[in-house]
N, C-alpha and C. Protein backbone atom coordinates (compact mmCIF):
# COMPACT_ATOMS: atom_id res chain seq x y z
N UNK A 1 5.30 102.33 -14.33
CA UNK A 1 5.89 102.02 -12.81
C UNK A 1 6.93 102.83 -12.41
N UNK A 2 6.40 103.38 -10.87
CA UNK A 2 7.23 104.01 -10.46
C UNK A 2 8.35 103.86 -10.04
N UNK A 3 9.55 104.47 -10.73
CA UNK A 3 10.75 103.58 -10.15
C UNK A 3 11.10 103.61 -8.32
N UNK A 4 10.24 104.72 -7.54
CA UNK A 4 10.36 104.47 -6.34
C UNK A 4 9.71 103.13 -5.60
N UNK A 5 8.81 102.93 -5.95
CA UNK A 5 7.95 101.72 -5.64
C UNK A 5 8.58 100.32 -6.62
N UNK A 6 9.20 100.34 -7.36
CA UNK A 6 10.06 99.39 -7.98
C UNK A 6 11.37 99.05 -7.12
N UNK A 7 12.43 100.30 -6.73
CA UNK A 7 13.14 99.79 -5.61
C UNK A 7 12.83 99.56 -4.31
N UNK A 8 11.68 100.08 -3.98
CA UNK A 8 11.51 99.79 -2.64
C UNK A 8 11.10 98.49 -2.33
N UNK A 9 10.67 97.83 -3.51
CA UNK A 9 9.94 96.48 -3.54
C UNK A 9 11.11 95.59 -3.88
N UNK A 10 12.02 96.00 -4.70
CA UNK A 10 13.31 95.28 -4.81
C UNK A 10 14.20 95.23 -3.23
N UNK A 11 14.15 96.24 -2.64
CA UNK A 11 14.55 96.67 -0.74
C UNK A 11 13.74 95.48 0.04
N UNK A 12 12.79 95.39 -0.21
CA UNK A 12 11.82 94.74 0.87
C UNK A 12 11.97 93.50 0.63
N UNK A 13 12.24 92.82 -0.50
CA UNK A 13 12.56 91.36 -0.98
C UNK A 13 13.69 90.60 -0.40
N UNK A 14 15.01 91.88 -0.56
CA UNK A 14 16.50 91.60 -0.41
C UNK A 14 17.00 91.88 1.03
N UNK A 15 16.22 92.81 1.56
CA UNK A 15 16.36 92.82 2.83
C UNK A 15 15.49 93.00 3.60
N UNK A 16 14.31 91.91 4.21
CA UNK A 16 13.07 92.08 4.65
C UNK A 16 13.35 92.63 5.91
N UNK A 17 12.77 93.82 5.90
CA UNK A 17 12.61 93.99 7.63
C UNK A 17 11.35 94.96 7.66
N UNK A 18 10.50 95.36 8.78
CA UNK A 18 9.58 96.32 9.06
C UNK A 18 9.77 97.56 8.21
N UNK A 19 10.83 97.95 8.87
CA UNK A 19 10.77 99.19 8.10
C UNK A 19 11.38 99.45 6.14
N UNK A 20 11.50 98.42 5.64
CA UNK A 20 11.82 98.41 4.18
C UNK A 20 10.33 98.27 3.31
N UNK A 21 9.70 97.49 4.15
CA UNK A 21 8.25 97.25 3.90
C UNK A 21 7.43 98.55 3.38
N UNK A 22 7.39 99.56 3.92
CA UNK A 22 6.44 100.66 4.27
C UNK A 22 6.57 101.76 2.94
N UNK A 23 7.68 101.47 1.80
CA UNK A 23 7.94 101.99 0.37
C UNK A 23 6.78 101.25 -0.57
N UNK A 24 6.31 100.17 -0.12
CA UNK A 24 5.77 99.28 -1.13
C UNK A 24 3.96 99.00 -0.28
N UNK A 25 4.12 98.70 0.91
CA UNK A 25 2.56 98.46 1.37
C UNK A 25 1.53 99.13 1.26
N UNK A 26 1.02 98.63 0.86
CA UNK A 26 -0.42 99.81 0.62
C UNK A 26 -0.35 100.57 -0.57
N UNK A 27 0.60 100.87 -1.45
CA UNK A 27 0.84 101.84 -2.14
C UNK A 27 0.30 101.06 -3.78
N UNK A 28 0.38 101.76 -4.70
CA UNK A 28 -0.25 101.32 -6.23
C UNK A 28 1.30 101.45 -6.70
N UNK A 29 1.41 100.27 -7.32
CA UNK A 29 2.76 100.69 -8.33
C UNK A 29 3.03 101.15 -9.39
N UNK A 30 1.35 101.49 -10.05
CA UNK A 30 1.55 102.21 -10.97
C UNK A 30 1.13 103.91 -11.14
N UNK A 31 1.63 104.65 -11.85
CA UNK A 31 1.84 106.35 -11.91
C UNK A 31 0.28 106.56 -12.47
N UNK A 32 -0.35 107.77 -11.65
CA UNK A 32 -1.20 108.37 -12.54
C UNK A 32 -1.41 108.83 -13.63
N UNK A 33 -2.23 108.74 -14.60
CA UNK A 33 -1.89 109.18 -15.73
C UNK A 33 -3.16 110.46 -16.42
N UNK A 34 -2.47 111.84 -16.07
CA UNK A 34 -3.69 112.69 -16.04
C UNK A 34 -4.51 112.33 -17.57
N UNK A 35 -6.04 113.31 -17.10
CA UNK A 35 -6.77 112.94 -18.53
C UNK A 35 -6.59 114.08 -19.14
N UNK A 36 -6.63 113.61 -20.40
CA UNK A 36 -5.72 114.86 -21.77
C UNK A 36 -4.37 114.98 -22.16
N UNK A 37 -3.43 113.49 -21.22
CA UNK A 37 -1.86 113.97 -21.17
C UNK A 37 -1.39 113.34 -22.82
N UNK A 38 -1.81 112.71 -23.11
CA UNK A 38 -1.63 112.40 -24.60
C UNK A 38 -1.59 113.56 -25.30
N UNK A 39 -2.45 114.38 -25.74
CA UNK A 39 -2.91 115.49 -26.65
C UNK A 39 -1.60 116.23 -26.10
N UNK A 40 -1.37 116.55 -24.62
CA UNK A 40 -0.27 117.52 -24.14
C UNK A 40 0.74 117.15 -24.68
N UNK A 41 1.39 115.85 -24.71
CA UNK A 41 2.34 115.74 -24.82
C UNK A 41 2.58 115.69 -26.33
N UNK A 42 2.10 115.08 -27.29
CA UNK A 42 2.20 115.23 -28.60
C UNK A 42 2.44 116.57 -28.95
N UNK A 43 1.91 117.47 -28.95
CA UNK A 43 1.69 119.12 -28.69
C UNK A 43 3.55 119.48 -28.25
N UNK A 44 3.55 119.35 -27.34
CA UNK A 44 4.96 119.78 -26.57
C UNK A 44 6.44 118.99 -26.99
N UNK A 45 5.96 117.53 -27.43
CA UNK A 45 7.22 116.93 -28.27
C UNK A 45 7.09 117.10 -29.81
N UNK A 46 6.19 117.85 -30.69
CA UNK A 46 5.76 118.33 -31.74
C UNK A 46 6.72 119.78 -31.52
N UNK A 47 7.19 120.45 -30.42
CA UNK A 47 7.31 121.64 -30.50
C UNK A 47 8.88 121.74 -30.19
N UNK A 48 9.22 120.64 -29.10
CA UNK A 48 10.77 120.43 -29.11
C UNK A 48 11.69 119.83 -30.56
N UNK A 49 11.10 119.24 -30.77
CA UNK A 49 11.26 118.43 -32.10
C UNK A 49 11.52 119.83 -33.48
N UNK A 50 10.30 120.77 -33.45
CA UNK A 50 10.39 122.05 -34.20
C UNK A 50 11.86 122.72 -33.87
N UNK A 51 11.74 122.92 -32.50
CA UNK A 51 12.79 123.94 -32.27
C UNK A 51 14.48 123.36 -32.86
N UNK A 52 14.31 121.91 -31.82
CA UNK A 52 15.91 121.63 -32.16
C UNK A 52 16.26 120.88 -33.88
N UNK A 53 15.23 120.62 -34.39
CA UNK A 53 15.44 120.17 -36.01
C UNK A 53 16.18 118.66 -36.16
N UNK A 54 16.08 117.96 -34.98
CA UNK A 54 16.86 116.32 -35.26
C UNK A 54 16.56 115.83 -36.33
N UNK A 55 17.71 115.09 -37.09
CA UNK A 55 17.44 114.35 -38.54
C UNK A 55 17.94 113.22 -38.14
N UNK A 56 17.61 111.63 -37.90
CA UNK A 56 15.86 112.04 -37.76
C UNK A 56 15.14 112.25 -36.67
N UNK A 57 13.92 112.78 -37.00
CA UNK A 57 13.15 113.13 -35.44
C UNK A 57 12.91 112.09 -34.59
N UNK A 58 12.95 111.98 -33.01
CA UNK A 58 12.39 111.27 -32.69
C UNK A 58 10.98 111.05 -32.47
N UNK A 59 10.38 109.98 -32.42
CA UNK A 59 8.69 109.35 -32.71
C UNK A 59 8.48 108.88 -31.33
N UNK A 60 7.25 109.59 -30.71
CA UNK A 60 6.46 109.41 -29.69
C UNK A 60 5.27 108.44 -30.21
N UNK A 61 4.69 107.67 -29.35
CA UNK A 61 3.72 107.00 -29.57
C UNK A 61 3.14 106.36 -28.28
N UNK A 62 2.39 105.62 -28.36
CA UNK A 62 1.64 105.39 -27.07
C UNK A 62 1.04 103.70 -27.32
N UNK A 63 2.02 103.05 -26.61
CA UNK A 63 1.40 101.51 -26.51
C UNK A 63 0.31 101.29 -26.28
N UNK A 64 -0.50 100.08 -26.83
CA UNK A 64 -1.58 99.11 -26.05
C UNK A 64 -1.46 98.83 -24.98
N UNK A 65 -0.40 98.30 -24.76
CA UNK A 65 -0.17 97.47 -23.31
C UNK A 65 1.26 97.47 -23.14
N UNK A 66 1.53 96.79 -21.96
CA UNK A 66 2.65 97.35 -21.71
C UNK A 66 3.37 98.14 -20.42
N UNK A 67 4.75 98.33 -19.86
CA UNK A 67 5.11 98.60 -18.89
C UNK A 67 5.03 100.47 -19.01
N UNK A 68 4.82 100.94 -20.01
CA UNK A 68 4.85 102.20 -20.44
C UNK A 68 3.66 102.92 -21.10
N UNK A 69 3.57 104.11 -20.34
CA UNK A 69 2.05 105.04 -20.61
C UNK A 69 2.43 105.39 -22.24
N UNK A 70 4.08 105.52 -22.59
CA UNK A 70 4.46 106.48 -23.80
C UNK A 70 5.40 105.71 -23.98
N UNK A 71 6.22 106.01 -25.31
CA UNK A 71 7.37 105.93 -25.54
C UNK A 71 8.21 106.41 -26.40
N UNK A 72 9.60 106.73 -26.01
CA UNK A 72 10.14 107.58 -27.57
C UNK A 72 11.10 107.19 -28.36
N UNK A 73 11.17 107.02 -29.39
CA UNK A 73 12.20 106.09 -29.88
C UNK A 73 13.00 107.29 -30.53
N UNK A 74 14.19 107.07 -30.18
CA UNK A 74 15.44 108.22 -31.02
C UNK A 74 16.55 107.61 -31.31
N UNK A 75 17.42 108.36 -32.18
CA UNK A 75 18.66 107.57 -32.68
C UNK A 75 19.40 107.82 -31.35
N UNK A 76 20.75 106.64 -31.10
CA UNK A 76 22.02 106.88 -30.30
C UNK A 76 22.15 108.04 -30.30
N UNK A 77 22.63 108.35 -31.32
CA UNK A 77 23.26 109.93 -31.43
C UNK A 77 22.61 111.23 -30.64
N UNK A 78 21.25 110.62 -30.66
CA UNK A 78 20.54 112.00 -30.06
C UNK A 78 20.28 112.41 -28.70
N UNK A 79 21.18 112.28 -28.28
CA UNK A 79 20.96 111.89 -26.58
C UNK A 79 20.86 112.91 -25.75
N UNK A 80 21.25 113.95 -26.55
CA UNK A 80 20.87 115.57 -25.79
C UNK A 80 19.21 115.68 -26.41
N UNK A 81 18.85 115.53 -27.54
CA UNK A 81 17.40 115.91 -27.78
C UNK A 81 16.65 114.97 -26.99
N UNK A 82 16.90 113.78 -26.54
CA UNK A 82 16.01 113.05 -26.03
C UNK A 82 15.94 113.46 -24.50
N UNK A 83 17.28 113.97 -23.80
CA UNK A 83 17.02 114.66 -22.72
C UNK A 83 16.19 116.04 -22.32
N UNK A 84 16.40 116.38 -23.31
CA UNK A 84 15.39 117.90 -23.51
C UNK A 84 13.97 117.49 -23.63
N UNK A 85 13.89 116.26 -24.48
CA UNK A 85 12.36 115.71 -24.54
C UNK A 85 11.74 115.54 -23.39
N UNK A 86 12.93 114.61 -22.62
CA UNK A 86 12.55 114.17 -21.51
C UNK A 86 11.84 115.14 -20.24
N UNK A 87 13.03 116.01 -20.41
CA UNK A 87 12.39 117.27 -19.42
C UNK A 87 11.57 117.94 -19.82
N UNK A 88 10.99 118.57 -20.95
CA UNK A 88 10.09 118.60 -21.09
C UNK A 88 8.54 118.24 -20.98
N UNK A 89 8.82 117.01 -21.60
CA UNK A 89 7.58 116.30 -21.48
C UNK A 89 7.10 116.08 -19.89
N UNK A 90 8.78 116.29 -18.90
CA UNK A 90 8.42 115.63 -17.54
C UNK A 90 7.32 117.00 -16.49
N UNK A 91 7.82 118.00 -17.34
CA UNK A 91 6.98 119.25 -16.68
C UNK A 91 5.82 119.15 -17.09
N UNK A 92 5.37 118.60 -18.49
CA UNK A 92 3.43 118.23 -18.73
C UNK A 92 2.90 117.26 -17.56
N UNK A 93 3.70 116.53 -17.04
CA UNK A 93 3.36 115.38 -16.15
C UNK A 93 4.08 115.58 -14.83
N UNK A 94 3.00 116.69 -14.18
CA UNK A 94 4.04 116.73 -12.85
C UNK A 94 3.69 115.31 -11.82
N UNK A 95 4.55 115.17 -11.20
CA UNK A 95 4.80 114.07 -10.10
C UNK A 95 4.83 112.68 -10.84
N UNK A 96 5.12 112.81 -12.04
CA UNK A 96 5.31 111.11 -12.81
C UNK A 96 6.64 111.23 -13.25
N UNK A 97 6.94 110.14 -12.75
CA UNK A 97 8.81 109.80 -13.48
C UNK A 97 8.77 109.05 -14.68
N UNK A 98 10.00 109.54 -15.38
CA UNK A 98 10.05 109.49 -16.85
C UNK A 98 11.31 108.51 -16.67
N UNK A 99 11.23 107.45 -17.08
CA UNK A 99 12.86 106.71 -17.77
C UNK A 99 13.32 107.01 -18.55
N UNK A 100 14.85 107.42 -18.59
CA UNK A 100 15.80 107.58 -19.72
C UNK A 100 16.84 106.70 -19.76
N UNK A 101 16.79 105.55 -20.28
CA UNK A 101 17.94 104.85 -19.98
C UNK A 101 18.22 104.39 -18.36
N UNK A 102 19.70 104.86 -18.03
CA UNK A 102 19.41 104.64 -16.50
C UNK A 102 19.45 105.53 -15.43
N UNK A 103 18.87 106.62 -16.50
CA UNK A 103 18.47 107.96 -15.68
C UNK A 103 16.82 108.03 -15.52
N UNK A 104 16.74 108.97 -14.40
CA UNK A 104 14.93 109.12 -14.43
C UNK A 104 14.90 110.56 -14.31
N UNK A 105 13.72 111.29 -14.59
CA UNK A 105 13.28 112.63 -14.89
C UNK A 105 12.16 112.85 -14.66
N UNK A 106 11.93 113.76 -13.41
CA UNK A 106 10.54 113.97 -12.57
C UNK A 106 10.35 115.71 -12.30
N UNK A 107 9.68 116.10 -12.52
CA UNK A 107 9.70 117.45 -12.71
C UNK A 107 10.63 118.29 -13.02
N UNK A 108 11.06 118.07 -14.47
CA UNK A 108 12.31 118.76 -14.43
C UNK A 108 13.57 118.31 -14.18
N UNK A 109 13.47 117.75 -13.30
CA UNK A 109 15.00 117.63 -12.32
C UNK A 109 15.23 116.11 -13.19
N UNK A 110 17.02 115.68 -13.15
CA UNK A 110 16.95 114.31 -13.43
C UNK A 110 17.59 113.57 -11.90
N UNK A 111 17.57 112.47 -12.29
CA UNK A 111 17.76 111.42 -10.45
C UNK A 111 18.37 110.12 -11.34
N UNK A 112 19.27 109.75 -10.36
CA UNK A 112 20.19 108.76 -10.25
C UNK A 112 19.87 107.53 -9.61
N UNK A 113 20.08 106.22 -9.53
CA UNK A 113 20.20 105.46 -8.60
C UNK A 113 21.73 105.81 -7.61
N UNK A 114 21.25 105.38 -6.22
CA UNK A 114 22.50 105.89 -5.49
C UNK A 114 22.99 104.36 -4.65
N UNK A 115 24.47 104.24 -4.59
CA UNK A 115 24.71 103.17 -4.57
C UNK A 115 25.04 103.24 -2.76
N UNK A 116 24.12 101.91 -2.13
CA UNK A 116 24.36 102.37 -0.74
C UNK A 116 24.63 100.50 -0.72
N UNK A 117 25.71 100.78 -0.06
CA UNK A 117 26.57 99.32 0.35
C UNK A 117 27.05 99.06 -0.85
N UNK A 118 26.22 97.56 -1.33
CA UNK A 118 26.47 97.64 -2.64
C UNK A 118 25.35 97.39 -3.46
N UNK A 119 24.08 97.69 -3.30
CA UNK A 119 23.09 97.64 -3.91
C UNK A 119 22.49 99.34 -4.37
N UNK A 120 21.81 99.52 -5.48
CA UNK A 120 21.20 101.22 -5.56
C UNK A 120 19.87 100.70 -5.61
N UNK A 121 19.31 100.98 -4.17
CA UNK A 121 17.96 101.34 -3.96
C UNK A 121 17.75 102.32 -3.59
N UNK A 122 18.50 103.86 -3.70
CA UNK A 122 17.73 105.09 -3.54
C UNK A 122 17.43 105.69 -4.50
N UNK A 123 16.98 106.40 -5.04
CA UNK A 123 16.92 107.77 -5.96
C UNK A 123 17.28 108.97 -5.46
N UNK A 124 18.26 109.47 -6.15
CA UNK A 124 18.82 110.47 -5.49
C UNK A 124 18.82 111.71 -6.70
N UNK A 125 18.99 113.26 -6.38
CA UNK A 125 19.19 114.11 -8.00
C UNK A 125 20.55 113.87 -8.41
N UNK A 126 20.58 114.07 -9.34
CA UNK A 126 21.85 113.53 -10.35
C UNK A 126 22.65 115.36 -10.76
N UNK A 127 23.62 115.67 -10.39
CA UNK A 127 24.09 116.26 -10.51
C UNK A 127 25.19 117.08 -11.32
N UNK A 128 25.17 115.63 -12.40
CA UNK A 128 26.33 115.43 -13.81
C UNK A 128 25.66 115.05 -14.83
N UNK A 129 24.10 115.76 -15.15
CA UNK A 129 23.29 115.75 -16.20
C UNK A 129 22.91 117.04 -16.29
N UNK A 130 23.23 117.30 -17.60
CA UNK A 130 23.15 118.42 -17.91
C UNK A 130 22.44 119.03 -19.27
N UNK A 131 22.21 119.64 -19.81
CA UNK A 131 21.72 119.87 -21.16
C UNK A 131 22.66 120.37 -21.81
N UNK A 132 22.67 120.72 -23.05
CA UNK A 132 24.28 121.58 -23.59
C UNK A 132 23.51 123.07 -24.04
N UNK A 133 24.20 124.10 -23.38
CA UNK A 133 23.46 125.51 -23.77
C UNK A 133 22.82 125.53 -24.92
N UNK A 134 23.56 125.28 -26.15
CA UNK A 134 22.50 125.50 -27.56
C UNK A 134 21.33 124.93 -27.37
N UNK A 135 20.96 123.61 -26.94
CA UNK A 135 19.76 123.10 -26.40
C UNK A 135 19.07 124.03 -25.30
N UNK A 136 19.60 123.92 -24.30
CA UNK A 136 18.51 124.90 -23.44
C UNK A 136 18.24 125.86 -23.96
N UNK A 137 18.76 126.61 -24.59
CA UNK A 137 18.26 127.89 -25.22
C UNK A 137 17.47 127.58 -26.58
N UNK A 138 17.55 126.45 -26.90
CA UNK A 138 16.54 126.34 -28.11
C UNK A 138 14.80 125.75 -27.19
N UNK A 139 15.10 125.02 -26.14
CA UNK A 139 14.03 124.78 -25.51
C UNK A 139 13.25 125.97 -24.14
N UNK A 140 14.04 126.97 -24.08
CA UNK A 140 14.06 127.68 -22.98
C UNK A 140 12.50 128.28 -22.88
N UNK A 141 11.79 128.32 -23.87
CA UNK A 141 10.24 128.63 -23.16
C UNK A 141 9.56 127.54 -22.95
N UNK A 142 10.21 126.36 -23.08
CA UNK A 142 9.10 125.29 -23.12
C UNK A 142 9.24 124.63 -21.26
N UNK A 143 10.17 125.50 -20.95
CA UNK A 143 10.92 124.85 -19.45
C UNK A 143 10.10 125.54 -18.18
């Protein structure tokens, strides 16, 4: 599900106005899944893992049912590897949102929820999430 649609639905439910319904009215919640994306993602993930050599390596799998097209399982201390993997995979899925904890990635850019008054209904580019220099160097040709 697109986080834009999800946050738009929350806003329309909590602050019902004519201008809040436009974010969800007549728009599907599901994100498109391109043909052949699974093989492309597996190849990109294996390339990132081969370059970064994390121990244990993150595991990419495609669940039969649920809210996500794919899931990457990584150890808690591998946040930089997970961020690099999210950026590379988002480049292979243009226009598709990837969720990474409380962060979102789309087209290789990180986003976060912005606080408006007391609610966090908008997604804005995040300026404080970066890949370390050595991780960027390792995945340079993939970005």
